[in-house]
Amino acid sequence: MTAAAYSELADQLRAFGESVRGARQRAHLSKSAVARAVGIDRSAITRIERGVQAPKFSTLLRLARTLDSTPAELLAAIGPAEPMPLSNDGVAPDRPAKRFGENLRLARAGAGVSQADLALDAPTDWSLLSGYETGKRAPNLRSILKLAHSLGVSPAALLCDVR
């Protein structure tokens, strides 16, 4: 990744942190209360809100639930505003990694990019990318942001219907 891409990623993590802080404050929850509900320590919430820590996928899901939100809503202000058209593929909403993988596959196909090319551009390991698309692996927020940027879609589009 270039220095500009790292800078953009850092800006996106800060924007995500601000979104989390705003949702927490609207819910009238303390950092300690959120940390207990999510199952992480209070300092991790502080690092997430400051944009210096990217939560794991499972933490992102628990954080969104705790804040009565969705991952897509927490990332709505990041990236292109155009919604990504999704097919009605029957992926169960209780399978968040599978739903993310299907969204990623659709976005990659829509961009006309192979897994190998996306892995090089993102950059990420091809086997991880394959695992993401099949729902066998779950990315952290930093990976979601890099993939969305490489595909020219919003991170919220990749997390559409992920709960």
N, C-alpha and C. Protein backbone atom coordinates (compact mmCIF):
# COMPACT_ATOMS: atom_id res chain seq x y z
N MET A 1 0.84 -1.18 0.00
CA MET A 1 0.00 0.00 0.00
C MET A 1 0.89 1.24 0.00
N THR A 2 0.39 2.27 -0.64
CA THR A 2 1.12 3.52 -0.69
C THR A 2 0.90 4.31 0.59
N ALA A 3 1.71 5.34 0.77
CA ALA A 3 1.56 6.19 1.95
C ALA A 3 0.18 6.85 1.95
N ALA A 4 -0.30 7.24 0.76
CA ALA A 4 -1.63 7.86 0.67
C ALA A 4 -2.72 6.87 1.07
N ALA A 5 -2.55 5.62 0.67
CA ALA A 5 -3.55 4.60 1.01
C ALA A 5 -3.56 4.34 2.52
N TYR A 6 -2.38 4.30 3.14
CA TYR A 6 -2.31 4.13 4.60
C TYR A 6 -2.96 5.32 5.31
N SER A 7 -2.74 6.51 4.78
CA SER A 7 -3.34 7.71 5.36
C SER A 7 -4.86 7.66 5.25
N GLU A 8 -5.35 7.21 4.09
CA GLU A 8 -6.80 7.10 3.90
C GLU A 8 -7.38 6.05 4.84
N LEU A 9 -6.68 4.94 5.00
CA LEU A 9 -7.14 3.90 5.91
C LEU A 9 -7.20 4.43 7.34
N ALA A 10 -6.20 5.19 7.75
CA ALA A 10 -6.18 5.78 9.09
C ALA A 10 -7.36 6.75 9.25
N ASP A 11 -7.64 7.54 8.22
CA ASP A 11 -8.78 8.46 8.27
C ASP A 11 -10.10 7.68 8.40
N GLN A 12 -10.20 6.56 7.69
CA GLN A 12 -11.42 5.76 7.76
C GLN A 12 -11.60 5.13 9.14
N LEU A 13 -10.51 4.68 9.74
CA LEU A 13 -10.59 4.11 11.09
C LEU A 13 -11.02 5.18 12.09
N ARG A 14 -10.51 6.41 11.91
CA ARG A 14 -10.93 7.51 12.80
C ARG A 14 -12.41 7.82 12.59
N ALA A 15 -12.88 7.82 11.35
CA ALA A 15 -14.30 8.09 11.07
C ALA A 15 -15.17 7.00 11.69
N PHE A 16 -14.72 5.75 11.60
CA PHE A 16 -15.45 4.66 12.24
C PHE A 16 -15.50 4.88 13.74
N GLY A 17 -14.37 5.24 14.33
CA GLY A 17 -14.32 5.51 15.77
C GLY A 17 -15.27 6.60 16.19
N GLU A 18 -15.35 7.67 15.39
CA GLU A 18 -16.28 8.75 15.69
C GLU A 18 -17.72 8.27 15.61
N SER A 19 -18.00 7.40 14.65
CA SER A 19 -19.34 6.84 14.51
C SER A 19 -19.70 5.99 15.73
N VAL A 20 -18.76 5.19 16.19
CA VAL A 20 -18.99 4.36 17.37
C VAL A 20 -19.22 5.24 18.59
N ARG A 21 -18.37 6.26 18.76
CA ARG A 21 -18.52 7.17 19.90
C ARG A 21 -19.90 7.85 19.86
N GLY A 22 -20.30 8.32 18.68
CA GLY A 22 -21.60 8.97 18.56
C GLY A 22 -22.74 8.02 18.90
N ALA A 23 -22.68 6.79 18.41
CA ALA A 23 -23.72 5.80 18.71
C ALA A 23 -23.75 5.47 20.19
N ARG A 24 -22.56 5.37 20.79
CA ARG A 24 -22.50 5.08 22.24
C ARG A 24 -23.11 6.22 23.04
N GLN A 25 -22.80 7.45 22.66
CA GLN A 25 -23.33 8.60 23.38
C GLN A 25 -24.84 8.73 23.18
N ARG A 26 -25.33 8.47 21.96
CA ARG A 26 -26.78 8.51 21.72
C ARG A 26 -27.50 7.46 22.54
N ALA A 27 -26.83 6.34 22.78
CA ALA A 27 -27.42 5.26 23.58
C ALA A 27 -27.25 5.50 25.08
N HIS A 28 -26.57 6.59 25.44
CA HIS A 28 -26.32 6.94 26.84
C HIS A 28 -25.61 5.81 27.58
N LEU A 29 -24.59 5.25 26.91
CA LEU A 29 -23.81 4.17 27.51
C LEU A 29 -22.38 4.65 27.77
N SER A 30 -21.82 4.22 28.88
CA SER A 30 -20.43 4.54 29.18
C SER A 30 -19.53 3.57 28.40
N LYS A 31 -18.26 3.92 28.30
CA LYS A 31 -17.30 3.01 27.66
C LYS A 31 -17.25 1.69 28.43
N SER A 32 -17.31 1.78 29.75
CA SER A 32 -17.26 0.57 30.57
C SER A 32 -18.46 -0.33 30.30
N ALA A 33 -19.64 0.26 30.17
CA ALA A 33 -20.85 -0.53 29.91
C ALA A 33 -20.77 -1.22 28.55
N VAL A 34 -20.28 -0.50 27.55
CA VAL A 34 -20.13 -1.08 26.21
C VAL A 34 -19.09 -2.19 26.25
N ALA A 35 -17.98 -1.93 26.91
CA ALA A 35 -16.91 -2.93 27.00
C ALA A 35 -17.43 -4.23 27.64
N ARG A 36 -18.19 -4.11 28.73
CA ARG A 36 -18.75 -5.29 29.39
C ARG A 36 -19.68 -6.04 28.44
N ALA A 37 -20.56 -5.32 27.76
CA ALA A 37 -21.53 -5.95 26.88
C ALA A 37 -20.86 -6.63 25.68
N VAL A 38 -19.81 -6.03 25.18
CA VAL A 38 -19.11 -6.56 24.01
C VAL A 38 -18.14 -7.67 24.39
N GLY A 39 -17.66 -7.62 25.63
CA GLY A 39 -16.72 -8.63 26.09
C GLY A 39 -15.27 -8.29 25.81
N ILE A 40 -14.97 -6.99 25.82
CA ILE A 40 -13.59 -6.53 25.66
C ILE A 40 -13.29 -5.54 26.78
N ASP A 41 -12.02 -5.16 26.91
CA ASP A 41 -11.70 -4.23 27.99
C ASP A 41 -11.99 -2.78 27.57
N ARG A 42 -12.16 -1.93 28.57
CA ARG A 42 -12.52 -0.53 28.34
C ARG A 42 -11.49 0.18 27.47
N SER A 43 -10.22 -0.15 27.64
CA SER A 43 -9.18 0.50 26.84
C SER A 43 -9.32 0.16 25.36
N ALA A 44 -9.85 -1.02 25.04
CA ALA A 44 -10.09 -1.37 23.64
C ALA A 44 -11.16 -0.47 23.04
N ILE A 45 -12.20 -0.16 23.81
CA ILE A 45 -13.24 0.76 23.32
C ILE A 45 -12.62 2.13 23.07
N THR A 46 -11.77 2.57 23.96
CA THR A 46 -11.09 3.86 23.78
C THR A 46 -10.25 3.84 22.50
N ARG A 47 -9.50 2.76 22.27
CA ARG A 47 -8.67 2.68 21.07
C ARG A 47 -9.52 2.63 19.80
N ILE A 48 -10.64 1.93 19.84
CA ILE A 48 -11.54 1.88 18.69
C ILE A 48 -12.11 3.27 18.42
N GLU A 49 -12.59 3.95 19.46
CA GLU A 49 -13.17 5.28 19.28
C GLU A 49 -12.14 6.30 18.81
N ARG A 50 -10.88 6.11 19.15
CA ARG A 50 -9.82 7.01 18.70
C ARG A 50 -9.32 6.65 17.30
N GLY A 51 -9.74 5.50 16.77
CA GLY A 51 -9.34 5.09 15.43
C GLY A 51 -7.97 4.46 15.36
N VAL A 52 -7.48 3.97 16.48
CA VAL A 52 -6.16 3.34 16.47
C VAL A 52 -6.24 1.81 16.55
N GLN A 53 -7.43 1.27 16.72
CA GLN A 53 -7.62 -0.18 16.75
C GLN A 53 -8.77 -0.55 15.85
N ALA A 54 -8.53 -1.53 15.00
CA ALA A 54 -9.58 -2.06 14.13
C ALA A 54 -10.13 -3.32 14.77
N PRO A 55 -11.41 -3.34 15.09
CA PRO A 55 -11.97 -4.52 15.75
C PRO A 55 -12.03 -5.73 14.82
N LYS A 56 -11.97 -6.91 15.42
CA LYS A 56 -12.19 -8.14 14.69
C LYS A 56 -13.66 -8.15 14.25
N PHE A 57 -13.98 -9.00 13.28
CA PHE A 57 -15.33 -9.11 12.74
C PHE A 57 -16.33 -9.42 13.85
N SER A 58 -16.02 -10.38 14.70
CA SER A 58 -16.94 -10.77 15.77
C SER A 58 -17.15 -9.61 16.75
N THR A 59 -16.10 -8.86 17.02
CA THR A 59 -16.21 -7.70 17.92
C THR A 59 -17.05 -6.62 17.27
N LEU A 60 -16.87 -6.40 15.96
CA LEU A 60 -17.67 -5.43 15.23
C LEU A 60 -19.16 -5.78 15.31
N LEU A 61 -19.49 -7.06 15.17
CA LEU A 61 -20.89 -7.49 15.25
C LEU A 61 -21.46 -7.25 16.65
N ARG A 62 -20.71 -7.63 17.68
CA ARG A 62 -21.20 -7.44 19.06
C ARG A 62 -21.31 -5.95 19.39
N LEU A 63 -20.37 -5.17 18.91
CA LEU A 63 -20.40 -3.72 19.14
C LEU A 63 -21.64 -3.11 18.51
N ALA A 64 -21.94 -3.48 17.28
CA ALA A 64 -23.13 -2.95 16.61
C ALA A 64 -24.40 -3.35 17.36
N ARG A 65 -24.49 -4.61 17.77
CA ARG A 65 -25.68 -5.06 18.52
C ARG A 65 -25.83 -4.28 19.82
N THR A 66 -24.73 -4.10 20.52
CA THR A 66 -24.76 -3.38 21.80
C THR A 66 -25.24 -1.95 21.61
N LEU A 67 -24.85 -1.35 20.49
CA LEU A 67 -25.22 0.04 20.20
C LEU A 67 -26.54 0.14 19.44
N ASP A 68 -27.28 -0.98 19.36
CA ASP A 68 -28.56 -1.04 18.66
C ASP A 68 -28.42 -0.50 17.23
N SER A 69 -27.42 -1.04 16.55
CA SER A 69 -27.08 -0.60 15.21
C SER A 69 -26.71 -1.82 14.38
N THR A 70 -26.25 -1.57 13.17
CA THR A 70 -25.69 -2.62 12.33
C THR A 70 -24.28 -2.20 11.96
N PRO A 71 -23.43 -3.15 11.57
CA PRO A 71 -22.10 -2.75 11.11
C PRO A 71 -22.15 -1.76 9.95
N ALA A 72 -23.08 -1.97 9.03
CA ALA A 72 -23.20 -1.06 7.89
C ALA A 72 -23.54 0.36 8.34
N GLU A 73 -24.41 0.48 9.33
CA GLU A 73 -24.76 1.82 9.84
C GLU A 73 -23.56 2.50 10.49
N LEU A 74 -22.75 1.73 11.19
CA LEU A 74 -21.56 2.31 11.83
C LEU A 74 -20.52 2.76 10.80
N LEU A 75 -20.59 2.21 9.59
CA LEU A 75 -19.63 2.54 8.53
C LEU A 75 -20.25 3.38 7.41
N ALA A 76 -21.46 3.85 7.60
CA ALA A 76 -22.19 4.53 6.54
C ALA A 76 -21.49 5.78 6.01
N ALA A 77 -20.72 6.47 6.82
CA ALA A 77 -20.09 7.72 6.39
C ALA A 77 -18.76 7.51 5.67
N ILE A 78 -18.37 6.26 5.46
CA ILE A 78 -17.06 5.97 4.87
C ILE A 78 -17.25 5.43 3.45
N GLY A 79 -16.48 5.98 2.51
CA GLY A 79 -16.46 5.48 1.14
C GLY A 79 -17.57 6.04 0.29
N PRO A 80 -17.70 5.49 -0.94
CA PRO A 80 -18.72 5.96 -1.88
C PRO A 80 -20.12 5.80 -1.30
N ALA A 81 -21.00 6.69 -1.69
CA ALA A 81 -22.36 6.69 -1.14
C ALA A 81 -23.31 5.78 -1.92
N GLU A 82 -22.92 5.33 -3.11
CA GLU A 82 -23.83 4.53 -3.92
C GLU A 82 -24.06 3.17 -3.29
N PRO A 83 -25.34 2.76 -3.20
CA PRO A 83 -25.61 1.43 -2.65
C PRO A 83 -25.18 0.35 -3.64
N MET A 84 -24.81 -0.80 -3.13
CA MET A 84 -24.42 -1.92 -3.97
C MET A 84 -25.62 -2.82 -4.16
N PRO A 85 -26.00 -3.10 -5.41
CA PRO A 85 -27.13 -4.00 -5.61
C PRO A 85 -26.76 -5.42 -5.20
N LEU A 86 -27.62 -6.05 -4.44
CA LEU A 86 -27.37 -7.41 -3.98
C LEU A 86 -28.44 -8.33 -4.55
N SER A 87 -28.05 -9.57 -4.77
CA SER A 87 -29.04 -10.54 -5.24
C SER A 87 -29.73 -11.13 -4.02
N ASN A 88 -30.90 -11.67 -4.24
CA ASN A 88 -31.60 -12.38 -3.16
C ASN A 88 -31.12 -13.82 -3.23
N ASP A 89 -30.03 -14.10 -2.56
CA ASP A 89 -29.37 -15.38 -2.68
C ASP A 89 -29.72 -16.38 -1.59
N GLY A 90 -30.55 -15.99 -0.66
CA GLY A 90 -30.97 -16.90 0.38
C GLY A 90 -29.97 -17.13 1.50
N VAL A 91 -28.94 -16.29 1.59
CA VAL A 91 -27.98 -16.44 2.68
C VAL A 91 -28.69 -16.06 3.98
N ALA A 92 -28.64 -16.94 4.94
CA ALA A 92 -29.31 -16.72 6.22
C ALA A 92 -28.69 -15.53 6.95
N PRO A 93 -29.53 -14.64 7.50
CA PRO A 93 -29.00 -13.48 8.22
C PRO A 93 -28.24 -13.85 9.49
N ASP A 94 -28.42 -15.08 9.97
CA ASP A 94 -27.70 -15.49 11.17
C ASP A 94 -26.30 -16.01 10.85
N ARG A 95 -25.88 -15.88 9.61
CA ARG A 95 -24.54 -16.28 9.17
C ARG A 95 -23.79 -15.04 8.68
N PRO A 96 -23.36 -14.16 9.57
CA PRO A 96 -22.78 -12.89 9.15
C PRO A 96 -21.53 -13.02 8.29
N ALA A 97 -20.66 -13.96 8.57
CA ALA A 97 -19.45 -14.11 7.74
C ALA A 97 -19.83 -14.57 6.33
N LYS A 98 -20.82 -15.43 6.23
CA LYS A 98 -21.30 -15.90 4.92
C LYS A 98 -21.93 -14.74 4.14
N ARG A 99 -22.72 -13.91 4.83
CA ARG A 99 -23.35 -12.75 4.17
C ARG A 99 -22.27 -11.78 3.68
N PHE A 100 -21.26 -11.51 4.53
CA PHE A 100 -20.16 -10.65 4.12
C PHE A 100 -19.47 -11.23 2.89
N GLY A 101 -19.20 -12.54 2.93
CA GLY A 101 -18.54 -13.20 1.81
C GLY A 101 -19.31 -13.08 0.52
N GLU A 102 -20.61 -13.23 0.59
CA GLU A 102 -21.43 -13.10 -0.61
C GLU A 102 -21.41 -11.66 -1.12
N ASN A 103 -21.49 -10.69 -0.21
CA ASN A 103 -21.40 -9.29 -0.62
C ASN A 103 -20.06 -9.00 -1.28
N LEU A 104 -18.99 -9.54 -0.71
CA LEU A 104 -17.66 -9.35 -1.27
C LEU A 104 -17.56 -9.98 -2.65
N ARG A 105 -18.08 -11.19 -2.80
CA ARG A 105 -18.04 -11.86 -4.10
C ARG A 105 -18.80 -11.07 -5.15
N LEU A 106 -19.99 -10.57 -4.78
CA LEU A 106 -20.79 -9.77 -5.71
C LEU A 106 -20.08 -8.48 -6.10
N ALA A 107 -19.47 -7.82 -5.12
CA ALA A 107 -18.75 -6.57 -5.41
C ALA A 107 -17.55 -6.84 -6.30
N ARG A 108 -16.84 -7.93 -6.04
CA ARG A 108 -15.67 -8.27 -6.86
C ARG A 108 -16.10 -8.62 -8.28
N ALA A 109 -17.18 -9.40 -8.42
CA ALA A 109 -17.68 -9.75 -9.74
C ALA A 109 -18.16 -8.50 -10.48
N GLY A 110 -18.84 -7.61 -9.74
CA GLY A 110 -19.32 -6.36 -10.35
C GLY A 110 -18.19 -5.47 -10.84
N ALA A 111 -17.05 -5.55 -10.16
CA ALA A 111 -15.89 -4.76 -10.56
C ALA A 111 -15.08 -5.47 -11.65
N GLY A 112 -15.44 -6.72 -11.94
CA GLY A 112 -14.72 -7.47 -12.96
C GLY A 112 -13.29 -7.80 -12.56
N VAL A 113 -13.10 -8.10 -11.28
CA VAL A 113 -11.77 -8.35 -10.74
C VAL A 113 -11.68 -9.79 -10.25
N SER A 114 -10.58 -10.46 -10.56
CA SER A 114 -10.39 -11.82 -10.07
C SER A 114 -9.96 -11.77 -8.61
N GLN A 115 -10.08 -12.90 -7.92
CA GLN A 115 -9.61 -12.98 -6.54
C GLN A 115 -8.12 -12.68 -6.47
N ALA A 116 -7.38 -13.21 -7.41
CA ALA A 116 -5.92 -12.99 -7.41
C ALA A 116 -5.59 -11.51 -7.56
N ASP A 117 -6.28 -10.83 -8.47
CA ASP A 117 -6.01 -9.39 -8.67
C ASP A 117 -6.42 -8.58 -7.45
N LEU A 118 -7.55 -8.92 -6.85
CA LEU A 118 -7.99 -8.21 -5.65
C LEU A 118 -7.00 -8.45 -4.51
N ALA A 119 -6.53 -9.66 -4.38
CA ALA A 119 -5.57 -9.98 -3.32
C ALA A 119 -4.30 -9.14 -3.48
N LEU A 120 -3.87 -8.93 -4.70
CA LEU A 120 -2.69 -8.10 -4.94
C LEU A 120 -2.97 -6.63 -4.68
N ASP A 121 -4.14 -6.17 -5.08
CA ASP A 121 -4.46 -4.75 -4.96
C ASP A 121 -4.78 -4.34 -3.53
N ALA A 122 -5.42 -5.22 -2.75
CA ALA A 122 -5.92 -4.84 -1.43
C ALA A 122 -4.86 -4.38 -0.42
N PRO A 123 -3.72 -4.87 -0.23
CA PRO A 123 -3.23 -6.23 -0.45
C PRO A 123 -3.64 -7.16 0.68
N THR A 124 -3.91 -8.38 0.31
CA THR A 124 -4.23 -9.42 1.29
C THR A 124 -3.82 -10.75 0.71
N ASP A 125 -3.78 -11.76 1.52
CA ASP A 125 -3.42 -13.09 1.07
C ASP A 125 -4.59 -13.69 0.30
N TRP A 126 -4.29 -14.31 -0.84
CA TRP A 126 -5.35 -14.88 -1.67
C TRP A 126 -6.17 -15.91 -0.90
N SER A 127 -5.52 -16.75 -0.09
CA SER A 127 -6.26 -17.78 0.63
C SER A 127 -7.22 -17.16 1.65
N LEU A 128 -6.82 -16.02 2.25
CA LEU A 128 -7.74 -15.32 3.15
C LEU A 128 -8.95 -14.81 2.38
N LEU A 129 -8.70 -14.23 1.22
CA LEU A 129 -9.77 -13.69 0.39
C LEU A 129 -10.76 -14.79 0.00
N SER A 130 -10.23 -15.94 -0.37
CA SER A 130 -11.08 -17.08 -0.69
C SER A 130 -11.91 -17.50 0.52
N GLY A 131 -11.28 -17.52 1.69
CA GLY A 131 -11.99 -17.85 2.93
C GLY A 131 -13.06 -16.83 3.27
N TYR A 132 -12.80 -15.55 2.99
CA TYR A 132 -13.81 -14.51 3.23
C TYR A 132 -15.03 -14.76 2.35
N GLU A 133 -14.78 -15.03 1.06
CA GLU A 133 -15.89 -15.19 0.12
C GLU A 133 -16.74 -16.42 0.42
N THR A 134 -16.15 -17.45 0.97
CA THR A 134 -16.92 -18.65 1.30
C THR A 134 -17.56 -18.57 2.68
N GLY A 135 -17.20 -17.54 3.46
CA GLY A 135 -17.74 -17.39 4.80
C GLY A 135 -17.03 -18.24 5.83
N LYS A 136 -15.91 -18.85 5.44
CA LYS A 136 -15.16 -19.68 6.37
C LYS A 136 -14.21 -18.86 7.23
N ARG A 137 -13.93 -17.64 6.82
CA ARG A 137 -13.07 -16.73 7.58
C ARG A 137 -13.79 -15.40 7.69
N ALA A 138 -13.48 -14.67 8.72
CA ALA A 138 -14.08 -13.35 8.92
C ALA A 138 -12.95 -12.32 9.02
N PRO A 139 -13.06 -11.23 8.27
CA PRO A 139 -12.00 -10.21 8.28
C PRO A 139 -12.11 -9.28 9.47
N ASN A 140 -11.03 -8.57 9.76
CA ASN A 140 -11.15 -7.48 10.73
C ASN A 140 -11.53 -6.22 9.97
N LEU A 141 -11.79 -5.16 10.69
CA LEU A 141 -12.27 -3.93 10.06
C LEU A 141 -11.23 -3.37 9.10
N ARG A 142 -9.96 -3.44 9.44
CA ARG A 142 -8.91 -2.93 8.56
C ARG A 142 -8.97 -3.64 7.20
N SER A 143 -9.16 -4.94 7.19
CA SER A 143 -9.27 -5.70 5.93
C SER A 143 -10.52 -5.31 5.15
N ILE A 144 -11.63 -5.12 5.85
CA ILE A 144 -12.87 -4.69 5.19
C ILE A 144 -12.65 -3.35 4.50
N LEU A 145 -12.00 -2.42 5.19
CA LEU A 145 -11.74 -1.10 4.60
C LEU A 145 -10.84 -1.19 3.38
N LYS A 146 -9.80 -2.02 3.44
CA LYS A 146 -8.89 -2.18 2.30
C LYS A 146 -9.60 -2.82 1.11
N LEU A 147 -10.41 -3.83 1.35
CA LEU A 147 -11.13 -4.49 0.27
C LEU A 147 -12.14 -3.55 -0.38
N ALA A 148 -12.88 -2.81 0.44
CA ALA A 148 -13.86 -1.86 -0.10
C ALA A 148 -13.16 -0.81 -0.96
N HIS A 149 -12.05 -0.29 -0.47
CA HIS A 149 -11.30 0.72 -1.22
C HIS A 149 -10.84 0.15 -2.57
N SER A 150 -10.29 -1.04 -2.56
CA SER A 150 -9.79 -1.66 -3.79
C SER A 150 -10.91 -1.92 -4.80
N LEU A 151 -12.10 -2.21 -4.30
CA LEU A 151 -13.24 -2.48 -5.18
C LEU A 151 -14.03 -1.23 -5.55
N GLY A 152 -13.73 -0.11 -4.90
CA GLY A 152 -14.45 1.13 -5.19
C GLY A 152 -15.86 1.13 -4.66
N VAL A 153 -16.10 0.40 -3.57
CA VAL A 153 -17.42 0.38 -2.93
C VAL A 153 -17.27 0.86 -1.50
N SER A 154 -18.36 1.16 -0.88
CA SER A 154 -18.30 1.57 0.52
C SER A 154 -18.18 0.33 1.41
N PRO A 155 -17.52 0.47 2.55
CA PRO A 155 -17.48 -0.65 3.50
C PRO A 155 -18.89 -1.05 3.92
N ALA A 156 -19.79 -0.09 4.00
CA ALA A 156 -21.18 -0.39 4.37
C ALA A 156 -21.82 -1.34 3.36
N ALA A 157 -21.47 -1.19 2.08
CA ALA A 157 -22.02 -2.10 1.06
C ALA A 157 -21.55 -3.53 1.31
N LEU A 158 -20.30 -3.69 1.69
CA LEU A 158 -19.80 -5.04 1.98
C LEU A 158 -20.46 -5.63 3.22
N LEU A 159 -20.96 -4.77 4.09
CA LEU A 159 -21.60 -5.23 5.33
C LEU A 159 -23.12 -5.15 5.28
N CYS A 160 -23.66 -4.91 4.09
CA CYS A 160 -25.12 -4.83 3.91
C CYS A 160 -25.76 -6.14 4.37
N ASP A 161 -26.75 -6.05 5.21
CA ASP A 161 -27.49 -7.19 5.76
C ASP A 161 -26.68 -8.09 6.68
N VAL A 162 -25.49 -7.62 7.10
CA VAL A 162 -24.70 -8.36 8.09
C VAL A 162 -25.19 -7.92 9.45
N ARG A 163 -25.58 -8.86 10.27
CA ARG A 163 -26.10 -8.55 11.60
C ARG A 163 -25.46 -9.43 12.64
